Amino acid sequence: QDAVRPIKMDSSWLMRCQKLLAKVQEMDASWDNIFKYPVNTDAVPDYLLAVPRPKCLSEVESDLSRKIHKTVEEFLKDLRLIFSNCVRYNQGRDQLIDEDCSLRIWAM
């Protein structure tokens, strides 16, 4: 099978990713910005035991502006990591986000 070639993060794709990130941040604002900042591990001491690679929207925004993502896939992988971390940490606990919202996030 032919491998799918990664899409390089050129200026056109960077603008698209910034627009997508803005939409995600807008959705997050309606959830009290729960994904905007790093999890406070003083308040949630077991978080790093469950989540080995924490990520938040402000870090993704910073990485995007500093052009850390070399491909669109790297950017999308970081976005998905935020939400998979949420699911990983909250399994078996009261969910912070509903299932319908989770499905929309995973569809990104």
PDB file of N, CA and C in Angstrom:
ATOM      1  N   GLN A   1       0.828  -1.186   0.000  1.00  0.00           N
ATOM      2  CA  GLN A   1       0.000   0.000   0.000  1.00  0.00           C
ATOM      3  C   GLN A   1       0.865   1.239   0.000  1.00  0.00           C
ATOM      4  N   ASP A   2       0.374   2.276  -0.647  1.00  0.00           N
ATOM      5  CA  ASP A   2       1.078   3.550  -0.633  1.00  0.00           C
ATOM      6  C   ASP A   2       0.815   4.260   0.687  1.00  0.00           C
ATOM      7  N   ALA A   3       1.875   4.768   1.289  1.00  0.00           N
ATOM      8  CA  ALA A   3       1.721   5.543   2.516  1.00  0.00           C
ATOM      9  C   ALA A   3       1.203   6.926   2.172  1.00  0.00           C
ATOM     10  N   VAL A   4       0.362   7.451   3.031  1.00  0.00           N
ATOM     11  CA  VAL A   4      -0.145   8.801   2.835  1.00  0.00           C
ATOM     12  C   VAL A   4       0.981   9.771   3.188  1.00  0.00           C
ATOM     13  N   ARG A   5       1.274  10.650   2.281  1.00  0.00           N
ATOM     14  CA  ARG A   5       2.351  11.609   2.493  1.00  0.00           C
ATOM     15  C   ARG A   5       1.870  12.715   3.428  1.00  0.00           C
ATOM     16  N   PRO A   6       2.643  13.028   4.460  1.00  0.00           N
ATOM     17  CA  PRO A   6       2.245  14.110   5.377  1.00  0.00           C
ATOM     18  C   PRO A   6       2.141  15.447   4.642  1.00  0.00           C
ATOM     19  N   ILE A   7       1.238  16.269   5.102  1.00  0.00           N
ATOM     20  CA  ILE A   7       1.042  17.592   4.524  1.00  0.00           C
ATOM     21  C   ILE A   7       1.961  18.566   5.250  1.00  0.00           C
ATOM     22  N   LYS A   8       2.861  19.183   4.511  1.00  0.00           N
ATOM     23  CA  LYS A   8       3.785  20.148   5.114  1.00  0.00           C
ATOM     24  C   LYS A   8       3.024  21.379   5.586  1.00  0.00           C
ATOM     25  N   MET A   9       3.484  21.897   6.698  1.00  0.00           N
ATOM     26  CA  MET A   9       2.836  23.069   7.294  1.00  0.00           C
ATOM     27  C   MET A   9       3.357  24.340   6.619  1.00  0.00           C
ATOM     28  N   ASP A  10       2.786  24.641   5.444  1.00  0.00           N
ATOM     29  CA  ASP A  10       3.148  25.888   4.770  1.00  0.00           C
ATOM     30  C   ASP A  10       2.243  27.008   5.298  1.00  0.00           C
ATOM     31  N   SER A  11       2.403  28.204   4.792  1.00  0.00           N
ATOM     32  CA  SER A  11       1.649  29.347   5.318  1.00  0.00           C
ATOM     33  C   SER A  11       0.140  29.180   5.134  1.00  0.00           C
ATOM     34  N   SER A  12      -0.261  28.558   4.047  1.00  0.00           N
ATOM     35  CA  SER A  12      -1.686  28.330   3.806  1.00  0.00           C
ATOM     36  C   SER A  12      -2.265  27.366   4.844  1.00  0.00           C
ATOM     37  N   TRP A  13      -1.555  26.264   5.081  1.00  0.00           N
ATOM     38  CA  TRP A  13      -2.020  25.291   6.072  1.00  0.00           C
ATOM     39  C   TRP A  13      -1.918  25.845   7.486  1.00  0.00           C
ATOM     40  N   LEU A  14      -0.918  26.649   7.753  1.00  0.00           N
ATOM     41  CA  LEU A  14      -0.780  27.269   9.067  1.00  0.00           C
ATOM     42  C   LEU A  14      -2.008  28.119   9.375  1.00  0.00           C
ATOM     43  N   MET A  15      -2.460  28.891   8.393  1.00  0.00           N
ATOM     44  CA  MET A  15      -3.647  29.724   8.580  1.00  0.00           C
ATOM     45  C   MET A  15      -4.877  28.854   8.847  1.00  0.00           C
ATOM     46  N   ARG A  16      -5.013  27.762   8.120  1.00  0.00           N
ATOM     47  CA  ARG A  16      -6.149  26.854   8.332  1.00  0.00           C
ATOM     48  C   ARG A  16      -6.109  26.246   9.726  1.00  0.00           C
ATOM     49  N   CYS A  17      -4.931  25.847  10.153  1.00  0.00           N
ATOM     50  CA  CYS A  17      -4.785  25.254  11.488  1.00  0.00           C
ATOM     51  C   CYS A  17      -5.081  26.282  12.572  1.00  0.00           C
ATOM     52  N   GLN A  18      -4.673  27.514  12.361  1.00  0.00           N
ATOM     53  CA  GLN A  18      -4.973  28.579  13.322  1.00  0.00           C
ATOM     54  C   GLN A  18      -6.481  28.808  13.425  1.00  0.00           C
ATOM     55  N   LYS A  19      -7.178  28.748  12.288  1.00  0.00           N
ATOM     56  CA  LYS A  19      -8.632  28.903  12.295  1.00  0.00           C
ATOM     57  C   LYS A  19      -9.302  27.739  13.023  1.00  0.00           C
ATOM     58  N   LEU A  20      -8.816  26.521  12.773  1.00  0.00           N
ATOM     59  CA  LEU A  20      -9.363  25.357  13.470  1.00  0.00           C
ATOM     60  C   LEU A  20      -9.114  25.473  14.969  1.00  0.00           C
ATOM     61  N   LEU A  21      -7.916  25.853  15.352  1.00  0.00           N
ATOM     62  CA  LEU A  21      -7.598  26.014  16.763  1.00  0.00           C
ATOM     63  C   LEU A  21      -8.495  27.078  17.395  1.00  0.00           C
ATOM     64  N   ALA A  22      -8.748  28.164  16.701  1.00  0.00           N
ATOM     65  CA  ALA A  22      -9.634  29.210  17.218  1.00  0.00           C
ATOM     66  C   ALA A  22     -11.040  28.661  17.466  1.00  0.00           C
ATOM     67  N   LYS A  23     -11.521  27.811  16.561  1.00  0.00           N
ATOM     68  CA  LYS A  23     -12.850  27.200  16.744  1.00  0.00           C
ATOM     69  C   LYS A  23     -12.860  26.279  17.963  1.00  0.00           C
ATOM     70  N   VAL A  24     -11.794  25.493  18.124  1.00  0.00           N
ATOM     71  CA  VAL A  24     -11.697  24.595  19.279  1.00  0.00           C
ATOM     72  C   VAL A  24     -11.631  25.423  20.562  1.00  0.00           C
ATOM     73  N   GLN A  25     -10.873  26.510  20.548  1.00  0.00           N
ATOM     74  CA  GLN A  25     -10.783  27.375  21.721  1.00  0.00           C
ATOM     75  C   GLN A  25     -12.127  28.015  22.039  1.00  0.00           C
ATOM     76  N   GLU A  26     -12.882  28.335  21.004  1.00  0.00           N
ATOM     77  CA  GLU A  26     -14.231  28.881  21.191  1.00  0.00           C
ATOM     78  C   GLU A  26     -15.128  27.848  21.875  1.00  0.00           C
ATOM     79  N   MET A  27     -15.058  26.591  21.413  1.00  0.00           N
ATOM     80  CA  MET A  27     -15.824  25.518  22.060  1.00  0.00           C
ATOM     81  C   MET A  27     -15.378  25.351  23.502  1.00  0.00           C
ATOM     82  N   ASP A  28     -14.063  25.381  23.723  1.00  0.00           N
ATOM     83  CA  ASP A  28     -13.523  25.213  25.065  1.00  0.00           C
ATOM     84  C   ASP A  28     -13.998  26.333  25.991  1.00  0.00           C
ATOM     85  N   ALA A  29     -14.119  27.528  25.477  1.00  0.00           N
ATOM     86  CA  ALA A  29     -14.594  28.652  26.293  1.00  0.00           C
ATOM     87  C   ALA A  29     -15.995  28.373  26.823  1.00  0.00           C
ATOM     88  N   SER A  30     -16.805  27.675  26.047  1.00  0.00           N
ATOM     89  CA  SER A  30     -18.155  27.333  26.512  1.00  0.00           C
ATOM     90  C   SER A  30     -18.120  26.239  27.582  1.00  0.00           C
ATOM     91  N   TRP A  31     -16.942  25.583  27.746  1.00  0.00           N
ATOM     92  CA  TRP A  31     -16.749  24.576  28.810  1.00  0.00           C
ATOM     93  C   TRP A  31     -15.865  25.139  29.924  1.00  0.00           C
ATOM     94  N   ASP A  32     -15.870  26.455  30.101  1.00  0.00           N
ATOM     95  CA  ASP A  32     -15.066  27.119  31.141  1.00  0.00           C
ATOM     96  C   ASP A  32     -13.572  26.945  30.940  1.00  0.00           C
ATOM     97  N   ASN A  33     -13.136  26.850  29.697  1.00  0.00           N
ATOM     98  CA  ASN A  33     -11.705  26.775  29.362  1.00  0.00           C
ATOM     99  C   ASN A  33     -10.972  25.620  30.063  1.00  0.00           C
ATOM    100  N   ILE A  34     -11.617  24.464  30.144  1.00  0.00           N
ATOM    101  CA  ILE A  34     -10.990  23.346  30.855  1.00  0.00           C
ATOM    102  C   ILE A  34      -9.759  22.795  30.139  1.00  0.00           C
ATOM    103  N   PHE A  35      -9.639  23.082  28.835  1.00  0.00           N
ATOM    104  CA  PHE A  35      -8.483  22.576  28.085  1.00  0.00           C
ATOM    105  C   PHE A  35      -7.474  23.667  27.743  1.00  0.00           C
ATOM    106  N   LYS A  36      -7.712  24.887  28.183  1.00  0.00           N
ATOM    107  CA  LYS A  36      -6.874  26.021  27.786  1.00  0.00           C
ATOM    108  C   LYS A  36      -5.489  25.983  28.423  1.00  0.00           C
ATOM    109  N   TYR A  37      -5.424  25.637  29.707  1.00  0.00           N
ATOM    110  CA  TYR A  37      -4.165  25.694  30.450  1.00  0.00           C
ATOM    111  C   TYR A  37      -3.754  24.305  30.932  1.00  0.00           C
ATOM    112  N   PRO A  38      -2.482  24.134  31.270  1.00  0.00           N
ATOM    113  CA  PRO A  38      -2.053  22.834  31.812  1.00  0.00           C
ATOM    114  C   PRO A  38      -2.837  22.481  33.081  1.00  0.00           C
ATOM    115  N   VAL A  39      -3.037  21.195  33.284  1.00  0.00           N
ATOM    116  CA  VAL A  39      -3.700  20.729  34.495  1.00  0.00           C
ATOM    117  C   VAL A  39      -2.811  21.086  35.685  1.00  0.00           C
ATOM    118  N   ASN A  40      -3.420  21.632  36.713  1.00  0.00           N
ATOM    119  CA  ASN A  40      -2.696  21.982  37.930  1.00  0.00           C
ATOM    120  C   ASN A  40      -2.429  20.692  38.712  1.00  0.00           C
ATOM    121  N   THR A  41      -1.209  20.204  38.625  1.00  0.00           N
ATOM    122  CA  THR A  41      -0.882  18.919  39.254  1.00  0.00           C
ATOM    123  C   THR A  41      -0.785  19.027  40.783  1.00  0.00           C
ATOM    124  N   ASP A  42      -0.747  20.239  41.311  1.00  0.00           N
ATOM    125  CA  ASP A  42      -0.850  20.395  42.773  1.00  0.00           C
ATOM    126  C   ASP A  42      -2.271  20.087  43.213  1.00  0.00           C
ATOM    127  N   ALA A  43      -3.227  20.528  42.411  1.00  0.00           N
ATOM    128  CA  ALA A  43      -4.640  20.280  42.716  1.00  0.00           C
ATOM    129  C   ALA A  43      -5.076  18.877  42.301  1.00  0.00           C
ATOM    130  N   VAL A  44      -4.400  18.302  41.295  1.00  0.00           N
ATOM    131  CA  VAL A  44      -4.733  16.966  40.779  1.00  0.00           C
ATOM    132  C   VAL A  44      -3.444  16.143  40.781  1.00  0.00           C
ATOM    133  N   PRO A  45      -2.998  15.702  41.965  1.00  0.00           N
ATOM    134  CA  PRO A  45      -1.674  15.080  42.080  1.00  0.00           C
ATOM    135  C   PRO A  45      -1.496  13.761  41.327  1.00  0.00           C
ATOM    136  N   ASP A  46      -2.582  13.054  41.046  1.00  0.00           N
ATOM    137  CA  ASP A  46      -2.453  11.773  40.345  1.00  0.00           C
ATOM    138  C   ASP A  46      -2.531  11.917  38.820  1.00  0.00           C
ATOM    139  N   TYR A  47      -2.665  13.147  38.332  1.00  0.00           N
ATOM    140  CA  TYR A  47      -2.851  13.352  36.887  1.00  0.00           C
ATOM    141  C   TYR A  47      -1.697  12.772  36.070  1.00  0.00           C
ATOM    142  N   LEU A  48      -0.477  13.051  36.472  1.00  0.00           N
ATOM    143  CA  LEU A  48       0.672  12.592  35.690  1.00  0.00           C
ATOM    144  C   LEU A  48       0.882  11.082  35.778  1.00  0.00           C
ATOM    145  N   LEU A  49       0.275  10.437  36.759  1.00  0.00           N
ATOM    146  CA  LEU A  49       0.323   8.975  36.822  1.00  0.00           C
ATOM    147  C   LEU A  49      -0.516   8.363  35.705  1.00  0.00           C
ATOM    148  N   ALA A  50      -1.606   9.026  35.360  1.00  0.00           N
ATOM    149  CA  ALA A  50      -2.515   8.525  34.318  1.00  0.00           C
ATOM    150  C   ALA A  50      -2.190   9.091  32.943  1.00  0.00           C
ATOM    151  N   VAL A  51      -1.586  10.278  32.907  1.00  0.00           N
ATOM    152  CA  VAL A  51      -1.360  10.983  31.644  1.00  0.00           C
ATOM    153  C   VAL A  51       0.137  11.278  31.488  1.00  0.00           C
ATOM    154  N   PRO A  52       0.836  10.452  30.724  1.00  0.00           N
ATOM    155  CA  PRO A  52       2.285  10.645  30.588  1.00  0.00           C
ATOM    156  C   PRO A  52       2.699  11.822  29.714  1.00  0.00           C
ATOM    157  N   ARG A  53       1.817  12.264  28.813  1.00  0.00           N
ATOM    158  CA  ARG A  53       2.147  13.379  27.905  1.00  0.00           C
ATOM    159  C   ARG A  53       1.058  14.451  27.962  1.00  0.00           C
ATOM    160  N   PRO A  54       1.056  15.267  29.005  1.00  0.00           N
ATOM    161  CA  PRO A  54       0.022  16.307  29.100  1.00  0.00           C
ATOM    162  C   PRO A  54       0.152  17.320  27.962  1.00  0.00           C
ATOM    163  N   LYS A  55      -0.965  17.882  27.591  1.00  0.00           N
ATOM    164  CA  LYS A  55      -0.983  18.909  26.534  1.00  0.00           C
ATOM    165  C   LYS A  55      -2.226  19.752  26.763  1.00  0.00           C
ATOM    166  N   CYS A  56      -2.145  21.048  26.457  1.00  0.00           N
ATOM    167  CA  CYS A  56      -3.297  21.933  26.579  1.00  0.00           C
ATOM    168  C   CYS A  56      -3.355  22.839  25.349  1.00  0.00           C
ATOM    169  N   LEU A  57      -4.468  23.534  25.200  1.00  0.00           N
ATOM    170  CA  LEU A  57      -4.662  24.378  24.019  1.00  0.00           C
ATOM    171  C   LEU A  57      -3.664  25.527  23.955  1.00  0.00           C
ATOM    172  N   SER A  58      -3.292  26.091  25.095  1.00  0.00           N
ATOM    173  CA  SER A  58      -2.328  27.195  25.056  1.00  0.00           C
ATOM    174  C   SER A  58      -0.960  26.708  24.579  1.00  0.00           C
ATOM    175  N   GLU A  59      -0.598  25.465  24.902  1.00  0.00           N
ATOM    176  CA  GLU A  59       0.663  24.904  24.407  1.00  0.00           C
ATOM    177  C   GLU A  59       0.604  24.660  22.903  1.00  0.00           C
ATOM    178  N   VAL A  60      -0.525  24.164  22.433  1.00  0.00           N
ATOM    179  CA  VAL A  60      -0.690  23.943  20.992  1.00  0.00           C
ATOM    180  C   VAL A  60      -0.630  25.282  20.256  1.00  0.00           C
ATOM    181  N   GLU A  61      -1.290  26.291  20.827  1.00  0.00           N
ATOM    182  CA  GLU A  61      -1.261  27.619  20.215  1.00  0.00           C
ATOM    183  C   GLU A  61       0.173  28.150  20.146  1.00  0.00           C
ATOM    184  N   SER A  62       0.906  27.985  21.216  1.00  0.00           N
ATOM    185  CA  SER A  62       2.303  28.431  21.246  1.00  0.00           C
ATOM    186  C   SER A  62       3.148  27.674  20.225  1.00  0.00           C
ATOM    187  N   ASP A  63       2.967  26.354  20.184  1.00  0.00           N
ATOM    188  CA  ASP A  63       3.714  25.536  19.215  1.00  0.00           C
ATOM    189  C   ASP A  63       3.399  25.955  17.784  1.00  0.00           C
ATOM    190  N   LEU A  64       2.134  26.260  17.538  1.00  0.00           N
ATOM    191  CA  LEU A  64       1.718  26.677  16.195  1.00  0.00           C
ATOM    192  C   LEU A  64       2.359  28.020  15.839  1.00  0.00           C
ATOM    193  N   SER A  65       2.342  28.962  16.757  1.00  0.00           N
ATOM    194  CA  SER A  65       2.918  30.278  16.460  1.00  0.00           C
ATOM    195  C   SER A  65       4.441  30.221  16.329  1.00  0.00           C
ATOM    196  N   ARG A  66       5.074  29.288  17.033  1.00  0.00           N
ATOM    197  CA  ARG A  66       6.535  29.141  16.926  1.00  0.00           C
ATOM    198  C   ARG A  66       6.932  28.190  15.796  1.00  0.00           C
ATOM    199  N   LYS A  67       5.921  27.713  15.064  1.00  0.00           N
ATOM    200  CA  LYS A  67       6.124  26.815  13.916  1.00  0.00           C
ATOM    201  C   LYS A  67       6.861  25.529  14.300  1.00  0.00           C
ATOM    202  N   ILE A  68       6.455  24.976  15.444  1.00  0.00           N
ATOM    203  CA  ILE A  68       7.006  23.708  15.926  1.00  0.00           C
ATOM    204  C   ILE A  68       6.467  22.548  15.090  1.00  0.00           C
ATOM    205  N   HIS A  69       5.180  22.642  14.698  1.00  0.00           N
ATOM    206  CA  HIS A  69       4.558  21.581  13.892  1.00  0.00           C
ATOM    207  C   HIS A  69       5.079  21.669  12.463  1.00  0.00           C
ATOM    208  N   LYS A  70       5.745  20.637  12.026  1.00  0.00           N
ATOM    209  CA  LYS A  70       6.281  20.614  10.657  1.00  0.00           C
ATOM    210  C   LYS A  70       5.254  20.105   9.650  1.00  0.00           C
ATOM    211  N   THR A  71       4.235  19.398  10.159  1.00  0.00           N
ATOM    212  CA  THR A  71       3.169  18.891   9.290  1.00  0.00           C
ATOM    213  C   THR A  71       1.815  19.164   9.939  1.00  0.00           C
ATOM    214  N   VAL A  72       0.780  19.133   9.133  1.00  0.00           N
ATOM    215  CA  VAL A  72      -0.583  19.293   9.629  1.00  0.00           C
ATOM    216  C   VAL A  72      -0.911  18.141  10.583  1.00  0.00           C
ATOM    217  N   GLU A  73      -0.422  16.968  10.256  1.00  0.00           N
ATOM    218  CA  GLU A  73      -0.695  15.793  11.096  1.00  0.00           C
ATOM    219  C   GLU A  73      -0.134  15.962  12.509  1.00  0.00           C
ATOM    220  N   GLU A  74       1.030  16.584  12.632  1.00  0.00           N
ATOM    221  CA  GLU A  74       1.601  16.835  13.963  1.00  0.00           C
ATOM    222  C   GLU A  74       0.688  17.750  14.772  1.00  0.00           C
ATOM    223  N   PHE A  75       0.158  18.758  14.132  1.00  0.00           N
ATOM    224  CA  PHE A  75      -0.774  19.676  14.791  1.00  0.00           C
ATOM    225  C   PHE A  75      -2.031  18.922  15.251  1.00  0.00           C
ATOM    226  N   LEU A  76      -2.622  18.144  14.336  1.00  0.00           N
ATOM    227  CA  LEU A  76      -3.841  17.402  14.677  1.00  0.00           C
ATOM    228  C   LEU A  76      -3.573  16.374  15.765  1.00  0.00           C
ATOM    229  N   LYS A  77      -2.412  15.766  15.736  1.00  0.00           N
ATOM    230  CA  LYS A  77      -2.037  14.791  16.765  1.00  0.00           C
ATOM    231  C   LYS A  77      -2.005  15.461  18.141  1.00  0.00           C
ATOM    232  N   ASP A  78      -1.468  16.670  18.204  1.00  0.00           N
ATOM    233  CA  ASP A  78      -1.442  17.396  19.474  1.00  0.00           C
ATOM    234  C   ASP A  78      -2.855  17.732  19.954  1.00  0.00           C
ATOM    235  N   LEU A  79      -3.727  18.159  19.042  1.00  0.00           N
ATOM    236  CA  LEU A  79      -5.115  18.441  19.435  1.00  0.00           C
ATOM    237  C   LEU A  79      -5.793  17.186  19.981  1.00  0.00           C
ATOM    238  N   ARG A  80      -5.619  16.095  19.262  1.00  0.00           N
ATOM    239  CA  ARG A  80      -6.247  14.843  19.707  1.00  0.00           C
ATOM    240  C   ARG A  80      -5.691  14.395  21.056  1.00  0.00           C
ATOM    241  N   LEU A  81      -4.410  14.646  21.289  1.00  0.00           N
ATOM    242  CA  LEU A  81      -3.782  14.255  22.552  1.00  0.00           C
ATOM    243  C   LEU A  81      -4.468  14.927  23.735  1.00  0.00           C
ATOM    244  N   ILE A  82      -4.840  16.183  23.590  1.00  0.00           N
ATOM    245  CA  ILE A  82      -5.528  16.897  24.672  1.00  0.00           C
ATOM    246  C   ILE A  82      -6.777  16.142  25.093  1.00  0.00           C
ATOM    247  N   PHE A  83      -7.570  15.747  24.114  1.00  0.00           N
ATOM    248  CA  PHE A  83      -8.850  15.125  24.412  1.00  0.00           C
ATOM    249  C   PHE A  83      -8.695  13.653  24.796  1.00  0.00           C
ATOM    250  N   SER A  84      -7.714  12.963  24.227  1.00  0.00           N
ATOM    251  CA  SER A  84      -7.491  11.577  24.653  1.00  0.00           C
ATOM    252  C   SER A  84      -6.955  11.555  26.087  1.00  0.00           C
ATOM    253  N   ASN A  85      -6.167  12.558  26.464  1.00  0.00           N
ATOM    254  CA  ASN A  85      -5.716  12.657  27.856  1.00  0.00           C
ATOM    255  C   ASN A  85      -6.900  12.844  28.797  1.00  0.00           C
ATOM    256  N   CYS A  86      -7.843  13.660  28.375  1.00  0.00           N
ATOM    257  CA  CYS A  86      -9.049  13.881  29.176  1.00  0.00           C
ATOM    258  C   CYS A  86      -9.810  12.575  29.379  1.00  0.00           C
ATOM    259  N   VAL A  87      -9.989  11.847  28.291  1.00  0.00           N
ATOM    260  CA  VAL A  87     -10.697  10.566  28.374  1.00  0.00           C
ATOM    261  C   VAL A  87      -9.910   9.589  29.239  1.00  0.00           C
ATOM    262  N   ARG A  88      -8.598   9.524  29.042  1.00  0.00           N
ATOM    263  CA  ARG A  88      -7.743   8.614  29.808  1.00  0.00           C
ATOM    264  C   ARG A  88      -7.850   8.898  31.306  1.00  0.00           C
ATOM    265  N   TYR A  89      -7.724  10.153  31.683  1.00  0.00           N
ATOM    266  CA  TYR A  89      -7.746  10.491  33.103  1.00  0.00           C
ATOM    267  C   TYR A  89      -9.132  10.291  33.710  1.00  0.00           C
ATOM    268  N   ASN A  90     -10.175  10.596  32.962  1.00  0.00           N
ATOM    269  CA  ASN A  90     -11.533  10.594  33.518  1.00  0.00           C
ATOM    270  C   ASN A  90     -12.274   9.281  33.353  1.00  0.00           C
ATOM    271  N   GLN A  91     -11.627   8.244  32.815  1.00  0.00           N
ATOM    272  CA  GLN A  91     -12.314   6.955  32.679  1.00  0.00           C
ATOM    273  C   GLN A  91     -12.799   6.499  34.049  1.00  0.00           C
ATOM    274  N   GLY A  92     -14.077   6.151  34.111  1.00  0.00           N
ATOM    275  CA  GLY A  92     -14.653   5.659  35.359  1.00  0.00           C
ATOM    276  C   GLY A  92     -15.004   6.756  36.347  1.00  0.00           C
ATOM    277  N   ARG A  93     -14.770   8.001  35.993  1.00  0.00           N
ATOM    278  CA  ARG A  93     -15.116   9.134  36.860  1.00  0.00           C
ATOM    279  C   ARG A  93     -16.261   9.890  36.210  1.00  0.00           C
ATOM    280  N   ASP A  94     -16.802  10.858  36.922  1.00  0.00           N
ATOM    281  CA  ASP A  94     -17.799  11.734  36.307  1.00  0.00           C
ATOM    282  C   ASP A  94     -17.143  12.431  35.134  1.00  0.00           C
ATOM    283  N   GLN A  95     -17.752  12.335  33.968  1.00  0.00           N
ATOM    284  CA  GLN A  95     -17.158  12.901  32.757  1.00  0.00           C
ATOM    285  C   GLN A  95     -17.301  14.416  32.722  1.00  0.00           C
ATOM    286  N   LEU A  96     -16.236  15.086  32.299  1.00  0.00           N
ATOM    287  CA  LEU A  96     -16.257  16.536  32.148  1.00  0.00           C
ATOM    288  C   LEU A  96     -16.943  16.946  30.860  1.00  0.00           C
ATOM    289  N   ILE A  97     -16.887  16.064  29.862  1.00  0.00           N
ATOM    290  CA  ILE A  97     -17.516  16.369  28.581  1.00  0.00           C
ATOM    291  C   ILE A  97     -18.445  15.224  28.222  1.00  0.00           C
ATOM    292  N   ASP A  98     -19.521  15.536  27.548  1.00  0.00           N
ATOM    293  CA  ASP A  98     -20.490  14.500  27.222  1.00  0.00           C
ATOM    294  C   ASP A  98     -20.034  13.660  26.034  1.00  0.00           C
ATOM    295  N   GLU A  99     -20.672  12.519  25.849  1.00  0.00           N
ATOM    296  CA  GLU A  99     -20.267  11.584  24.790  1.00  0.00           C
ATOM    297  C   GLU A  99     -20.426  12.188  23.397  1.00  0.00           C
ATOM    298  N   ASP A 100     -21.483  12.949  23.174  1.00  0.00           N
ATOM    299  CA  ASP A 100     -21.692  13.573  21.869  1.00  0.00           C
ATOM    300  C   ASP A 100     -20.530  14.506  21.540  1.00  0.00           C
ATOM    301  N   CYS A 101     -20.119  15.259  22.512  1.00  0.00           N
ATOM    302  CA  CYS A 101     -18.987  16.169  22.313  1.00  0.00           C
ATOM    303  C   CYS A 101     -17.723  15.366  22.041  1.00  0.00           C
ATOM    304  N   SER A 102     -17.517  14.292  22.757  1.00  0.00           N
ATOM    305  CA  SER A 102     -16.334  13.450  22.550  1.00  0.00           C
ATOM    306  C   SER A 102     -16.280  12.929  21.125  1.00  0.00           C
ATOM    307  N   LEU A 103     -17.408  12.507  20.591  1.00  0.00           N
ATOM    308  CA  LEU A 103     -17.447  11.991  19.223  1.00  0.00           C
ATOM    309  C   LEU A 103     -17.078  13.075  18.220  1.00  0.00           C
ATOM    310  N   ARG A 104     -17.549  14.306  18.445  1.00  0.00           N
ATOM    311  CA  ARG A 104     -17.201  15.401  17.538  1.00  0.00           C
ATOM    312  C   ARG A 104     -15.712  15.701  17.597  1.00  0.00           C
ATOM    313  N   ILE A 105     -15.141  15.646  18.780  1.00  0.00           N
ATOM    314  CA  ILE A 105     -13.706  15.899  18.939  1.00  0.00           C
ATOM    315  C   ILE A 105     -12.895  14.823  18.228  1.00  0.00           C
ATOM    316  N   TRP A 106     -13.270  13.558  18.409  1.00  0.00           N
ATOM    317  CA  TRP A 106     -12.530  12.466  17.773  1.00  0.00           C
ATOM    318  C   TRP A 106     -12.642  12.502  16.263  1.00  0.00           C
ATOM    319  N   ALA A 107     -13.675  13.143  15.741  1.00  0.00           N
ATOM    320  CA  ALA A 107     -13.845  13.213  14.292  1.00  0.00           C
ATOM    321  C   ALA A 107     -12.882  14.200  13.635  1.00  0.00           C
ATOM    322  N   MET A 108     -12.205  15.005  14.437  1.00  0.00           N
ATOM    323  CA  MET A 108     -11.252  15.987  13.873  1.00  0.00           C
ATOM    324  C   MET A 108     -10.154  15.300  13.112  1.00  0.00           C
TER     325      MET A 108
END
